[in-house]
Amino acid sequence: MKRIAGVVALVVSSVLCGTAALAQSGVEKLYILNCGEGAAGDISRWSPGVNEGQSMDFVDNCYLIKHGSDWFLWDTGIPDAVAAMPNGLAPSDPKAVTWHRPKTLVSQLEAIGVKPADIKAMAVSHTHPDHIGNVELFPDAMLYVQKAEYEWPSADGKPRFNKAHPVTLLEGDRDLFGDGSLIILSTPGHTPGHQSLLVKLPKTGTVVLSGDAVHFKSNWDNRRVPALNVSKEQTVASMEKIADVLKNDHAQLWINHDKAQRDTLKMAPEFYE
């Protein structure tokens, strides 16, 4: 009996150690993918009363994150089909961004050795076209999105996502792996269910991916709110929430559309760990 008890104890200990190792595995790598580049016709569209008539180069980032054996994708960018458009994708509003796609999302994943089917989970910061352009390249990946965003009526009355796509509807923050290394932050204001992402890396430290909670650094520094945001009050509150996270976690803020910042960062196939 003692021998059997010893074997059982050893098995239980091994299982517990394996569970602990899994819980502590955390995020291993973060890749920044080029999901679009373009020029805004008039950046006062995002900073009312400031920079009237000035153009600015914009970028559009997606992020591939490796957590243990899992691959997680944050935002999907401009549709890959735009890569075949020599003049890019022109907006209906001349103040907005004319987007180009220098590299497809799929080709950048291939360069890393990742197939679309390898991505089992994904999330988008919000449902504007420059962030959801390639969601259906990953039809089986679980999509994490705020319930308020998922149910937000679109201008044409059509659903914002394919109803057949597997989805987990959130109502607030979510620790995706239960170990604090990848946390979706509810940051409404730009849209009703906008969200940002906190990523804890073992060497780089903590990074917050802004989505469109802020579009470029001067807007962040001055807490400016684009006129097209659904709620100025929520936007400012979300900026303050992010600021608290940056302070408490000694984190960096990576602003999704800010080209000046993006040009200082490593792009895939290089990565952060």
Protein backbone atom coordinates (compact mmCIF):
# COMPACT_ATOMS: atom_id res chain seq x y z
CA MET A 1 0.00 0.00 0.00
CA LYS A 2 2.84 2.37 0.86
CA ARG A 3 4.39 1.67 -2.52
CA ILE A 4 1.11 2.38 -4.33
CA ALA A 5 0.61 5.54 -2.32
CA GLY A 6 4.11 6.64 -3.27
CA VAL A 7 3.42 6.09 -6.96
CA VAL A 8 0.13 8.02 -6.74
CA ALA A 9 1.87 10.88 -4.95
CA LEU A 10 4.54 10.98 -7.64
CA VAL A 11 1.92 11.08 -10.41
CA VAL A 12 -0.06 13.82 -8.66
CA SER A 13 3.14 15.79 -8.10
CA SER A 14 4.06 15.49 -11.79
CA VAL A 15 0.61 16.65 -12.88
CA LEU A 16 0.71 19.62 -10.51
CA CYS A 17 4.20 20.58 -11.65
CA GLY A 18 3.09 20.34 -15.28
CA THR A 19 0.07 22.52 -14.55
CA ALA A 20 2.24 25.07 -12.77
CA ALA A 21 4.71 25.13 -15.66
CA LEU A 22 1.84 25.71 -18.09
CA ALA A 23 0.42 28.53 -15.96
CA GLN A 24 3.83 30.19 -15.76
CA SER A 25 4.77 29.72 -19.41
CA GLY A 26 3.53 33.18 -20.36
CA VAL A 27 4.12 35.00 -23.62
CA GLU A 28 7.32 33.93 -25.37
CA LYS A 29 7.40 36.08 -28.50
CA LEU A 30 5.65 39.09 -30.01
CA TYR A 31 5.92 39.89 -33.72
CA ILE A 32 4.88 43.21 -35.28
CA LEU A 33 3.38 42.68 -38.74
CA ASN A 34 2.99 45.32 -41.44
CA CYS A 35 -0.76 45.38 -42.03
CA GLY A 36 -0.94 48.57 -44.07
CA GLU A 37 0.72 51.90 -44.84
CA GLY A 38 -0.77 55.10 -46.14
CA ALA A 39 -1.15 58.85 -45.94
CA ALA A 40 -3.92 60.77 -44.22
CA GLY A 41 -5.26 63.71 -46.21
CA ASP A 42 -5.89 65.92 -43.17
CA ILE A 43 -4.92 64.79 -39.67
CA SER A 44 -7.26 67.31 -38.02
CA ARG A 45 -9.81 64.55 -38.62
CA TRP A 46 -8.26 62.94 -35.54
CA SER A 47 -7.26 66.14 -33.68
CA PRO A 48 -10.09 68.69 -34.06
CA GLY A 49 -8.87 72.26 -34.36
CA VAL A 50 -5.22 71.20 -34.55
CA ASN A 51 -3.05 70.43 -37.60
CA GLU A 52 -5.73 71.69 -39.99
CA GLY A 53 -4.94 70.70 -43.59
CA GLN A 54 -1.76 68.79 -42.66
CA SER A 55 -1.08 65.36 -44.09
CA MET A 56 0.59 62.58 -42.12
CA ASP A 57 1.89 59.12 -42.90
CA PHE A 58 0.02 56.37 -41.10
CA VAL A 59 0.85 52.72 -40.51
CA ASP A 60 -1.41 49.85 -39.55
CA ASN A 61 0.08 47.14 -37.35
CA CYS A 62 -1.03 43.63 -36.50
CA TYR A 63 0.62 41.58 -33.78
CA LEU A 64 1.33 37.85 -33.63
CA ILE A 65 1.90 36.49 -30.14
CA LYS A 66 3.26 33.09 -29.12
CA HIS A 67 2.10 31.78 -25.75
CA GLY A 68 3.44 28.30 -25.08
CA SER A 69 2.27 26.23 -28.05
CA ASP A 70 -0.52 28.70 -28.89
CA TRP A 71 -0.51 31.45 -31.52
CA PHE A 72 -2.70 34.51 -30.92
CA LEU A 73 -3.34 37.29 -33.46
CA TRP A 74 -4.25 40.86 -32.48
CA ASP A 75 -5.95 42.86 -35.27
CA THR A 76 -5.89 41.80 -38.92
CA GLY A 77 -5.32 45.07 -40.80
CA ILE A 78 -6.20 46.16 -44.30
CA PRO A 79 -7.49 43.30 -46.53
CA ASP A 80 -4.70 41.34 -48.19
CA ALA A 81 -6.43 41.98 -51.54
CA VAL A 82 -5.27 45.61 -51.36
CA ALA A 83 -1.71 44.38 -52.05
CA ALA A 84 -2.78 43.85 -55.67
CA MET A 85 -4.13 47.41 -56.05
CA PRO A 86 -1.37 49.62 -57.52
CA ASN A 87 -3.09 52.83 -56.38
CA GLY A 88 -4.12 51.49 -53.02
CA LEU A 89 -7.50 51.70 -51.35
CA ALA A 90 -8.82 55.27 -51.48
CA PRO A 91 -11.26 56.49 -48.80
CA SER A 92 -14.61 58.16 -49.43
CA ASP A 93 -13.49 61.01 -47.15
CA PRO A 94 -10.44 62.83 -48.63
CA LYS A 95 -9.26 63.64 -45.09
CA ALA A 96 -8.93 59.94 -44.27
CA VAL A 97 -6.14 57.50 -45.16
CA THR A 98 -5.39 56.06 -48.60
CA TRP A 99 -4.15 52.59 -47.67
CA HIS A 100 -1.56 50.42 -49.36
CA ARG A 101 -0.55 46.88 -48.48
CA PRO A 102 3.22 46.40 -49.08
CA LYS A 103 3.07 42.83 -47.75
CA THR A 104 0.18 40.47 -47.26
CA LEU A 105 -0.57 39.15 -43.81
CA VAL A 106 -0.39 35.58 -45.05
CA SER A 107 3.09 36.05 -46.56
CA GLN A 108 4.41 37.51 -43.30
CA LEU A 109 3.02 34.59 -41.34
CA GLU A 110 4.64 32.18 -43.81
CA ALA A 111 8.01 33.90 -43.29
CA ILE A 112 7.70 33.10 -39.59
CA GLY A 113 6.64 29.52 -40.32
CA VAL A 114 3.02 29.98 -39.25
CA LYS A 115 0.01 28.86 -41.26
CA PRO A 116 -3.39 30.55 -40.88
CA ALA A 117 -4.74 27.29 -39.46
CA ASP A 118 -2.12 27.44 -36.68
CA ILE A 119 -3.84 30.48 -35.18
CA LYS A 120 -6.45 29.19 -32.77
CA ALA A 121 -7.41 32.50 -31.13
CA MET A 122 -7.58 36.12 -32.20
CA ALA A 123 -9.01 39.48 -31.19
CA VAL A 124 -9.59 42.82 -32.86
CA SER A 125 -9.36 46.18 -31.15
CA HIS A 126 -12.54 47.28 -32.91
CA THR A 127 -14.54 46.84 -36.10
CA HIS A 128 -13.27 49.60 -38.38
CA PRO A 129 -12.17 48.19 -41.77
CA ASP A 130 -8.44 48.72 -41.23
CA HIS A 131 -8.56 46.35 -38.24
CA ILE A 132 -10.87 43.55 -39.42
CA GLY A 133 -9.86 43.25 -43.07
CA ASN A 134 -8.57 39.68 -42.79
CA VAL A 135 -10.64 38.13 -40.00
CA GLU A 136 -12.02 35.48 -42.33
CA LEU A 137 -8.55 34.26 -43.28
CA PHE A 138 -8.84 32.50 -39.91
CA PRO A 139 -12.40 31.08 -40.00
CA ASP A 140 -11.87 28.60 -37.17
CA ALA A 141 -9.96 30.87 -34.77
CA MET A 142 -11.88 31.88 -31.65
CA LEU A 143 -12.58 35.61 -31.91
CA TYR A 144 -12.57 37.65 -28.69
CA VAL A 145 -14.58 40.86 -29.01
CA GLN A 146 -16.57 43.07 -26.68
CA LYS A 147 -20.30 42.36 -26.73
CA ALA A 148 -20.98 46.09 -27.23
CA GLU A 149 -18.82 46.06 -30.37
CA TYR A 150 -20.27 42.86 -31.76
CA GLU A 151 -23.83 44.16 -31.42
CA TRP A 152 -23.06 47.72 -32.59
CA PRO A 153 -25.28 48.43 -35.63
CA SER A 154 -23.29 49.07 -38.81
CA ALA A 155 -24.14 51.91 -41.17
CA ASP A 156 -25.49 49.52 -43.81
CA GLY A 157 -27.32 47.34 -41.30
CA LYS A 158 -25.16 44.29 -42.04
CA PRO A 159 -23.47 42.23 -39.29
CA ARG A 160 -19.94 43.34 -38.52
CA PHE A 161 -18.71 39.74 -38.52
CA ASN A 162 -19.60 36.49 -40.23
CA LYS A 163 -22.20 34.98 -37.90
CA ALA A 164 -20.65 31.54 -38.45
CA HIS A 165 -17.29 32.65 -37.03
CA PRO A 166 -16.69 31.27 -33.52
CA VAL A 167 -16.79 34.13 -31.04
CA THR A 168 -16.44 34.83 -27.33
CA LEU A 169 -18.29 37.99 -26.33
CA LEU A 170 -16.64 39.99 -23.56
CA GLU A 171 -18.06 42.50 -21.13
CA GLY A 172 -14.92 44.08 -19.74
CA ASP A 173 -11.31 42.98 -19.26
CA ARG A 174 -10.23 39.37 -19.89
CA ASP A 175 -7.08 37.52 -18.85
CA LEU A 176 -6.86 35.23 -21.87
CA PHE A 177 -4.56 32.53 -20.47
CA GLY A 178 -5.15 33.04 -16.76
CA ASP A 179 -1.51 33.89 -16.07
CA GLY A 180 -1.58 37.68 -16.48
CA SER A 181 0.65 37.63 -19.56
CA LEU A 182 -2.04 38.57 -22.10
CA ILE A 183 -4.95 40.72 -20.94
CA ILE A 184 -7.61 42.36 -23.08
CA LEU A 185 -8.46 45.78 -21.66
CA SER A 186 -11.87 47.26 -22.28
CA THR A 187 -11.21 50.80 -23.57
CA PRO A 188 -14.43 52.11 -25.14
CA GLY A 189 -14.87 55.52 -26.68
CA HIS A 190 -13.45 55.31 -30.16
CA THR A 191 -16.18 52.74 -30.75
CA PRO A 192 -18.68 51.30 -28.24
CA GLY A 193 -16.64 48.15 -27.60
CA HIS A 194 -13.09 49.22 -28.37
CA GLN A 195 -10.41 47.22 -26.58
CA SER A 196 -6.63 47.37 -26.10
CA LEU A 197 -4.16 44.61 -25.23
CA LEU A 198 -1.64 44.26 -22.40
CA VAL A 199 1.28 41.94 -23.19
CA LYS A 200 3.87 40.91 -20.59
CA LEU A 201 7.13 39.75 -22.15
CA PRO A 202 9.93 38.13 -20.11
CA LYS A 203 12.73 40.37 -21.46
CA THR A 204 11.03 43.39 -23.04
CA GLY A 205 8.64 43.89 -20.14
CA THR A 206 5.05 45.02 -20.40
CA VAL A 207 3.62 46.58 -23.55
CA VAL A 208 0.13 47.98 -24.13
CA LEU A 209 -1.11 47.82 -27.73
CA SER A 210 -3.36 50.84 -28.18
CA GLY A 211 -5.71 49.80 -30.95
CA ASP A 212 -7.29 53.17 -31.75
CA ALA A 213 -7.67 54.35 -28.16
CA VAL A 214 -5.18 56.92 -29.47
CA HIS A 215 -3.95 57.43 -33.03
CA PHE A 216 -0.62 59.24 -32.63
CA LYS A 217 1.61 60.50 -29.84
CA SER A 218 0.62 64.16 -29.81
CA ASN A 219 -3.01 63.13 -29.35
CA TRP A 220 -1.95 60.95 -26.43
CA ASP A 221 0.16 63.68 -24.85
CA ASN A 222 -2.70 66.19 -25.10
CA ARG A 223 -5.59 63.74 -24.56
CA ARG A 224 -7.18 64.83 -27.83
CA VAL A 225 -10.29 62.99 -28.98
CA PRO A 226 -11.21 62.55 -32.67
CA ALA A 227 -14.55 64.13 -33.57
CA LEU A 228 -15.76 60.83 -35.04
CA ASN A 229 -15.34 58.88 -31.80
CA VAL A 230 -18.64 57.67 -30.35
CA SER A 231 -17.95 59.13 -26.89
CA LYS A 232 -15.46 61.80 -25.85
CA GLU A 233 -16.01 61.03 -22.15
CA GLN A 234 -15.37 57.31 -22.59
CA THR A 235 -12.33 57.99 -24.75
CA VAL A 236 -10.72 60.21 -22.12
CA ALA A 237 -11.57 57.69 -19.38
CA SER A 238 -10.00 54.91 -21.44
CA MET A 239 -6.85 56.97 -21.97
CA GLU A 240 -6.63 57.45 -18.20
CA LYS A 241 -7.15 53.73 -17.64
CA ILE A 242 -4.26 53.00 -20.01
CA ALA A 243 -2.12 55.66 -18.30
CA ASP A 244 -2.73 53.94 -14.95
CA VAL A 245 -1.69 50.59 -16.44
CA LEU A 246 1.48 52.14 -17.90
CA LYS A 247 2.37 53.59 -14.48
CA ASN A 248 1.51 50.54 -12.39
CA ASP A 249 3.13 48.00 -14.73
CA HIS A 250 6.02 50.21 -15.91
CA ALA A 251 4.73 49.52 -19.40
CA GLN A 252 5.39 50.92 -22.86
CA LEU A 253 2.54 52.20 -25.03
CA TRP A 254 2.74 51.10 -28.65
CA ILE A 255 0.44 53.34 -30.69
CA ASN A 256 -0.96 51.37 -33.60
CA HIS A 257 -1.02 54.03 -36.33
CA ASP A 258 2.00 56.12 -35.26
CA LYS A 259 4.61 55.71 -38.00
CA ALA A 260 7.34 57.65 -36.17
CA GLN A 261 7.15 55.19 -33.29
CA ARG A 262 6.70 52.14 -35.51
CA ASP A 263 9.88 53.00 -37.40
CA THR A 264 11.86 52.60 -34.15
CA LEU A 265 10.54 49.07 -33.54
CA LYS A 266 11.59 45.66 -34.86
CA MET A 267 9.32 44.23 -37.56
CA ALA A 268 8.65 40.56 -38.31
CA PRO A 269 10.34 38.20 -38.82
CA GLU A 270 12.30 39.78 -35.97
CA PHE A 271 10.48 39.60 -32.65
CA TYR A 272 10.36 40.74 -29.05
CA GLU A 273 10.68 38.32 -26.16
